[in-house]
Protein backbone atom coordinates (compact mmCIF):
# COMPACT_ATOMS: atom_id res chain seq x y z
CA UNK A 1 58.62 40.12 2.79
CA UNK A 2 57.67 39.09 -0.73
CA UNK A 3 59.09 41.11 -3.63
CA UNK A 4 57.55 40.81 -7.08
CA UNK A 5 60.14 42.40 -9.35
CA UNK A 6 59.24 43.14 -13.01
CA UNK A 7 57.54 39.77 -13.51
CA UNK A 8 56.46 39.01 -17.08
CA UNK A 9 54.70 35.84 -18.21
CA UNK A 10 53.31 34.98 -21.63
CA UNK A 11 51.37 32.01 -22.98
CA UNK A 12 52.02 32.04 -26.71
CA UNK A 13 50.88 35.45 -27.93
CA UNK A 14 48.90 36.14 -24.76
CA UNK A 15 50.66 38.39 -22.25
CA UNK A 16 49.36 37.26 -18.85
CA UNK A 17 51.67 39.52 -16.81
CA UNK A 18 53.61 42.52 -18.04
CA UNK A 19 56.39 43.86 -15.80
CA UNK A 20 54.40 43.46 -12.59
CA UNK A 21 56.24 44.95 -9.63
CA UNK A 22 55.18 45.39 -5.97
CA UNK A 23 56.03 44.25 -2.44
CA UNK A 24 53.98 42.41 0.18
CA UNK A 25 54.92 43.09 3.79
CA UNK A 26 54.96 40.73 6.74
CA UNK A 27 51.79 40.71 8.89
CA UNK A 28 49.73 41.93 5.93
CA UNK A 29 46.60 40.74 4.16
CA UNK A 30 46.87 41.77 0.53
CA UNK A 31 43.76 41.83 -1.65
CA UNK A 32 44.70 40.88 -5.23
CA UNK A 33 41.93 42.08 -7.54
CA UNK A 34 41.23 42.12 -11.24
CA UNK A 35 38.68 40.99 -13.83
CA UNK A 36 38.72 37.46 -15.22
CA UNK A 37 41.86 36.88 -17.26
CA UNK A 38 43.74 39.76 -15.63
CA UNK A 39 46.67 37.53 -14.56
CA UNK A 40 45.92 37.03 -10.85
CA UNK A 41 46.06 33.24 -10.80
CA UNK A 42 49.18 33.24 -12.98
CA UNK A 43 50.89 35.57 -10.51
CA UNK A 44 49.89 33.41 -7.54
CA UNK A 45 51.27 30.32 -9.25
CA UNK A 46 54.56 32.11 -9.90
CA UNK A 47 54.76 33.17 -6.23
CA UNK A 48 54.25 29.54 -5.17
CA UNK A 49 56.98 28.35 -7.55
CA UNK A 50 54.50 26.30 -9.58
CA UNK A 51 55.10 28.38 -12.74
CA UNK A 52 58.33 30.08 -13.86
CA UNK A 53 58.31 33.72 -14.95
CA UNK A 54 59.57 34.54 -18.44
CA UNK A 55 61.49 37.46 -16.97
CA UNK A 56 61.74 39.18 -13.62
CA UNK A 57 61.56 37.28 -10.35
CA UNK A 58 59.76 36.75 -7.07
CA UNK A 59 61.77 36.65 -3.86
CA UNK A 60 60.77 35.70 -0.32
CA UNK A 61 62.93 37.17 2.44
CA UNK A 62 65.64 37.82 -0.15
CA UNK A 63 65.65 34.35 -1.74
CA UNK A 64 64.46 34.00 -5.33
CA UNK A 65 61.58 31.59 -5.92
CA UNK A 66 62.04 28.92 -8.59
CA UNK A 67 60.61 25.52 -9.48
CA UNK A 68 63.34 23.91 -7.35
CA UNK A 69 63.23 26.03 -4.17
CA UNK A 70 61.52 23.42 -2.00
CA UNK A 71 62.47 25.22 1.21
CA UNK A 72 60.40 28.23 0.12
CA UNK A 73 57.50 26.04 -0.97
CA UNK A 74 57.47 24.54 2.51
CA UNK A 75 56.58 27.93 4.03
CA UNK A 76 53.70 28.54 1.59
CA UNK A 77 50.12 27.37 1.97
CA UNK A 78 47.98 27.53 -1.18
CA UNK A 79 44.23 27.08 -1.56
CA UNK A 80 43.47 27.16 -5.31
CA UNK A 81 40.07 28.14 -6.63
CA UNK A 82 39.04 24.59 -7.53
CA UNK A 83 40.10 23.25 -4.07
CA UNK A 84 41.17 19.73 -5.15
CA UNK A 85 40.28 17.12 -2.51
CA UNK A 86 40.38 13.30 -2.39
CA UNK A 87 36.68 12.61 -2.03
CA UNK A 88 37.03 8.92 -1.16
CA UNK A 89 38.86 9.81 2.06
CA UNK A 90 37.28 11.05 5.25
CA UNK A 91 38.43 14.39 6.63
CA UNK A 92 40.88 12.91 9.15
CA UNK A 93 42.42 10.56 6.58
CA UNK A 94 42.87 13.43 4.13
CA UNK A 95 44.50 15.74 6.65
CA UNK A 96 46.75 12.91 7.85
CA UNK A 97 47.79 12.24 4.25
CA UNK A 98 48.65 15.92 3.70
CA UNK A 99 50.56 16.03 6.99
CA UNK A 100 52.60 12.97 6.01
CA UNK A 101 53.49 14.40 2.60
CA UNK A 102 54.78 17.52 4.35
CA UNK A 103 56.75 15.53 6.96
CA UNK A 104 54.91 17.22 9.84
CA UNK A 105 55.93 15.98 13.27
CA UNK A 106 53.32 15.25 15.94
CA UNK A 107 50.73 14.69 13.22
CA UNK A 108 47.78 13.89 15.47
CA UNK A 109 48.24 16.92 17.72
CA UNK A 110 48.65 19.25 14.74
CA UNK A 111 45.54 17.85 13.05
CA UNK A 112 43.64 18.38 16.30
CA UNK A 113 44.77 22.03 16.39
CA UNK A 114 43.77 22.69 12.78
CA UNK A 115 40.45 20.88 13.14
CA UNK A 116 39.67 23.15 16.09
CA UNK A 117 40.71 26.30 14.19
CA UNK A 118 38.55 25.35 11.19
CA UNK A 119 35.70 23.94 13.29
CA UNK A 120 35.69 20.54 11.61
CA UNK A 121 35.03 18.38 14.68
CA UNK A 122 31.51 17.43 13.56
CA UNK A 123 32.65 16.06 10.18
CA UNK A 124 36.07 14.64 11.04
CA UNK A 125 35.10 11.04 10.23
CA UNK A 126 32.78 11.80 7.32
CA UNK A 127 33.79 11.21 3.72
CA UNK A 128 34.70 14.39 1.87
CA UNK A 129 32.27 13.41 -0.91
CA UNK A 130 29.41 13.84 1.60
CA UNK A 131 30.37 17.35 2.69
CA UNK A 132 28.72 20.63 1.77
CA UNK A 133 30.65 23.27 -0.19
CA UNK A 134 31.22 25.20 3.03
CA UNK A 135 32.78 22.26 4.81
CA UNK A 136 34.88 21.41 1.75
CA UNK A 137 36.29 24.93 1.78
CA UNK A 138 37.11 24.53 5.46
CA UNK A 139 38.88 21.24 4.74
CA UNK A 140 40.88 22.89 1.96
CA UNK A 141 41.74 25.78 4.27
CA UNK A 142 42.79 23.32 7.00
CA UNK A 143 45.06 21.48 4.57
CA UNK A 144 46.65 24.76 3.44
CA UNK A 145 47.57 25.80 7.00
CA UNK A 146 48.41 22.35 8.37
CA UNK A 147 52.15 22.96 8.16
CA UNK A 148 51.79 26.43 9.76
CA UNK A 149 53.02 28.30 6.67
CA UNK A 150 54.41 31.81 6.85
CA UNK A 151 52.60 32.70 3.60
CA UNK A 152 49.00 31.78 2.78
CA UNK A 153 47.64 32.25 -0.75
CA UNK A 154 43.88 31.99 -1.21
CA UNK A 155 42.22 32.01 -4.64
CA UNK A 156 38.45 32.68 -4.37
CA UNK A 157 38.18 31.00 -0.93
CA UNK A 158 34.49 31.88 -0.44
CA UNK A 159 33.20 31.28 -3.97
CA UNK A 160 29.86 29.46 -3.84
CA UNK A 161 29.44 29.78 -0.08
CA UNK A 162 26.35 31.13 1.61
CA UNK A 163 26.76 34.34 3.69
CA UNK A 164 27.24 32.47 6.98
CA UNK A 165 29.86 30.13 5.52
CA UNK A 166 31.68 33.03 3.84
CA UNK A 167 31.73 34.92 7.15
CA UNK A 168 33.33 31.91 8.86
CA UNK A 169 36.06 31.71 6.20
CA UNK A 170 36.77 35.45 6.55
CA UNK A 171 37.12 35.00 10.29
CA UNK A 172 39.61 32.17 9.69
CA UNK A 173 41.63 34.46 7.41
CA UNK A 174 41.72 37.20 10.05
CA UNK A 175 42.74 34.76 12.77
CA UNK A 176 45.51 33.33 10.62
CA UNK A 177 47.05 36.75 9.87
CA UNK A 178 49.16 36.96 13.04
CA UNK A 179 52.85 36.95 12.04
CA UNK A 180 51.92 35.83 8.51
CA UNK A 181 51.43 37.09 4.97
CA UNK A 182 48.04 36.43 3.38
CA UNK A 183 47.31 36.97 -0.33
CA UNK A 184 43.58 36.94 -1.04
CA UNK A 185 42.18 36.92 -4.57
CA UNK A 186 38.41 37.24 -4.88
CA UNK A 187 35.65 38.83 -6.92
CA UNK A 188 33.69 39.59 -3.74
CA UNK A 189 34.91 43.13 -3.24
CA UNK A 190 33.14 43.69 0.08
CA UNK A 191 35.20 40.78 1.37
CA UNK A 192 38.43 42.58 0.49
CA UNK A 193 37.17 45.76 2.14
CA UNK A 194 36.52 43.78 5.32
CA UNK A 195 39.79 41.87 5.67
CA UNK A 196 42.53 43.40 3.48
CA UNK A 197 45.14 45.86 4.71
CA UNK A 198 46.14 46.79 1.17
CA UNK A 199 44.89 46.19 -2.37
CA UNK A 200 46.61 45.61 -5.70
CA UNK A 201 44.40 45.82 -8.81
CA UNK A 202 45.60 44.11 -11.99
CA UNK A 203 44.05 44.61 -15.41
CA UNK A 204 45.30 42.99 -18.63
CA UNK A 205 48.46 41.83 -16.92
CA UNK A 206 49.45 45.23 -15.52
CA UNK A 207 49.00 46.93 -12.17
CA UNK A 208 46.54 49.78 -12.51
CA UNK A 209 46.40 50.75 -8.83
CA UNK A 210 47.69 49.75 -5.41
CA UNK A 211 47.37 51.03 -1.86
CA UNK A 212 44.86 50.99 0.97
CA UNK A 213 41.19 51.72 0.31
CA UNK A 214 41.66 55.40 1.13
CA UNK A 215 44.54 55.68 -1.36
CA UNK A 216 42.42 54.11 -4.10
CA UNK A 217 39.48 56.33 -3.18
CA UNK A 218 41.59 59.43 -3.90
CA UNK A 219 42.49 58.08 -7.35
CA UNK A 220 38.84 57.85 -8.36
CA UNK A 221 37.17 60.65 -6.40
CA UNK A 222 38.34 63.83 -8.07
CA UNK A 223 35.98 65.94 -5.96
CA UNK A 224 34.29 65.71 -2.60
CA UNK A 225 30.52 65.11 -2.62
CA UNK A 226 28.28 65.89 0.34
CA UNK A 227 24.63 64.89 0.49
CA UNK A 228 22.23 67.23 2.30
CA UNK A 229 18.48 66.65 2.79
CA UNK A 230 15.79 68.38 4.79
CA UNK A 231 13.32 71.26 4.84
CA UNK A 232 14.85 74.58 3.78
CA UNK A 233 13.56 78.13 3.72
CA UNK A 234 15.93 79.15 0.91
CA UNK A 235 16.76 77.87 -2.55
CA UNK A 236 20.16 76.27 -1.82
CA UNK A 237 21.37 76.19 -5.42
CA UNK A 238 21.43 79.99 -5.41
CA UNK A 239 22.12 80.57 -1.70
CA UNK A 240 24.96 78.26 -0.68
CA UNK A 241 27.62 79.55 -3.13
CA UNK A 242 27.12 83.04 -1.66
CA UNK A 243 27.95 81.93 1.89
CA UNK A 244 30.35 78.98 1.43
CA UNK A 245 33.59 78.91 -0.56
CA UNK A 246 34.90 76.05 -2.67
CA UNK A 247 31.59 74.82 -4.08
CA UNK A 248 31.79 73.60 -7.68
CA UNK A 249 28.23 72.47 -8.19
CA UNK A 250 24.93 71.89 -6.36
CA UNK A 251 22.35 69.47 -7.71
CA UNK A 252 18.80 68.90 -6.53
CA UNK A 253 18.52 65.13 -6.82
CA UNK A 254 15.11 64.52 -5.30
CA UNK A 255 12.11 66.32 -3.86
CA UNK A 256 9.20 64.79 -1.95
CA UNK A 257 6.64 67.15 -0.46
CA UNK A 258 8.73 69.77 1.37
CA UNK A 259 11.84 67.60 1.71
CA UNK A 260 14.61 68.35 -0.77
CA UNK A 261 17.79 66.36 -1.25
CA UNK A 262 20.95 67.94 -2.68
CA UNK A 263 24.40 66.80 -3.70
CA UNK A 264 27.13 69.40 -3.24
CA UNK A 265 30.48 69.08 -5.02
CA UNK A 266 33.56 70.74 -3.52
CA UNK A 267 37.30 70.43 -3.85
CA UNK A 268 38.48 66.91 -2.97
CA UNK A 269 40.16 67.95 0.29
CA UNK A 270 37.41 70.33 1.39
CA UNK A 271 34.89 69.04 3.96
CA UNK A 272 31.98 71.47 4.43
CA UNK A 273 29.80 69.30 6.68
CA UNK A 274 30.53 71.29 9.84
CA UNK A 275 29.82 74.58 8.07
CA UNK A 276 26.58 73.18 6.66
CA UNK A 277 25.47 72.06 10.11
CA UNK A 278 26.23 75.47 11.65
CA UNK A 279 24.36 77.12 8.78
CA UNK A 280 21.37 74.82 9.32
CA UNK A 281 21.25 75.79 13.00
CA UNK A 282 21.47 79.49 12.16
CA UNK A 283 18.76 79.28 9.44
CA UNK A 284 16.62 76.84 11.47
CA UNK A 285 16.59 74.24 8.70
CA UNK A 286 15.16 70.82 9.54
CA UNK A 287 17.92 68.39 8.50
CA UNK A 288 17.23 64.70 8.00
CA UNK A 289 20.50 63.82 6.24
CA UNK A 290 24.03 65.22 6.12
CA UNK A 291 26.87 62.97 5.09
CA UNK A 292 29.83 62.66 2.80
CA UNK A 293 29.41 60.26 -0.10
CA UNK A 294 32.11 57.61 -0.16
CA UNK A 295 33.20 55.50 -3.10
CA UNK A 296 32.95 51.75 -2.63
CA UNK A 297 35.69 49.36 -3.69
CA UNK A 298 33.31 48.18 -6.39
CA UNK A 299 33.15 51.72 -7.82
CA UNK A 300 36.95 51.96 -7.72
CA UNK A 301 37.36 48.56 -9.37
CA UNK A 302 34.95 49.40 -12.20
CA UNK A 303 36.57 52.79 -12.81
CA UNK A 304 40.11 51.37 -12.97
CA UNK A 305 39.37 48.24 -15.04
CA UNK A 306 36.69 49.44 -17.48
């Protein structure tokens, strides 16, 4: 487990982190979100022991991280946003160099394993300078997991990748999760929705929300919204409140020929979809749409960081 306990970090008059406090559990992918300048990269560097906190501390399995805790650094893999690589080396030479600096035993067999995981066989003997952005990200990912770290920290791992390349990196993250901790920072919010077990949102150096997607949804969605569309023999704005309880508001949002589309607001914990369906059967309405409107992570992010 990683504990971030009241961590504060300033750069001159700029407060990058202000009493940040949360835990990251084993076997968990944590999505670390926030706008540019929110303090995400600073926090990741403090977790890796690259930067010291002004106050507070980070601990891993009960041991406090510092600039000198090399044993903790040995169990961390870090892929920074700029993914620094030695471009005059080929992929094998680079991975061998990283393995040697980390004193990895059985270097060749471990490189073979990582090359297979990251699907680098086709470019193993090519110079890194010749590789596409997608392959460079895979090489950086391979280097970060070469020593089989318990903790993997990824800063914008799919930035600049095409959809196929980004999908491959997300699959690598999911595969790596077993018995590990993964911290993923990205501006691609759909990516976090796909892979993260839990989310922490930072804004101006402070945590504004944390929890799973459902938890964050409840912070933003104050009421439940159901969308209903079809052909109706009654005016629903007047009719529905007389037969269903808990309705705050009904809005007609579109009308095309005989098809009308409504949004119905109810109490947050009230789901009226089943009652609406039974009513439609009874009244012989022709439904073409009946669903509950969900809030995307993008909506949550914008609401909490605006």
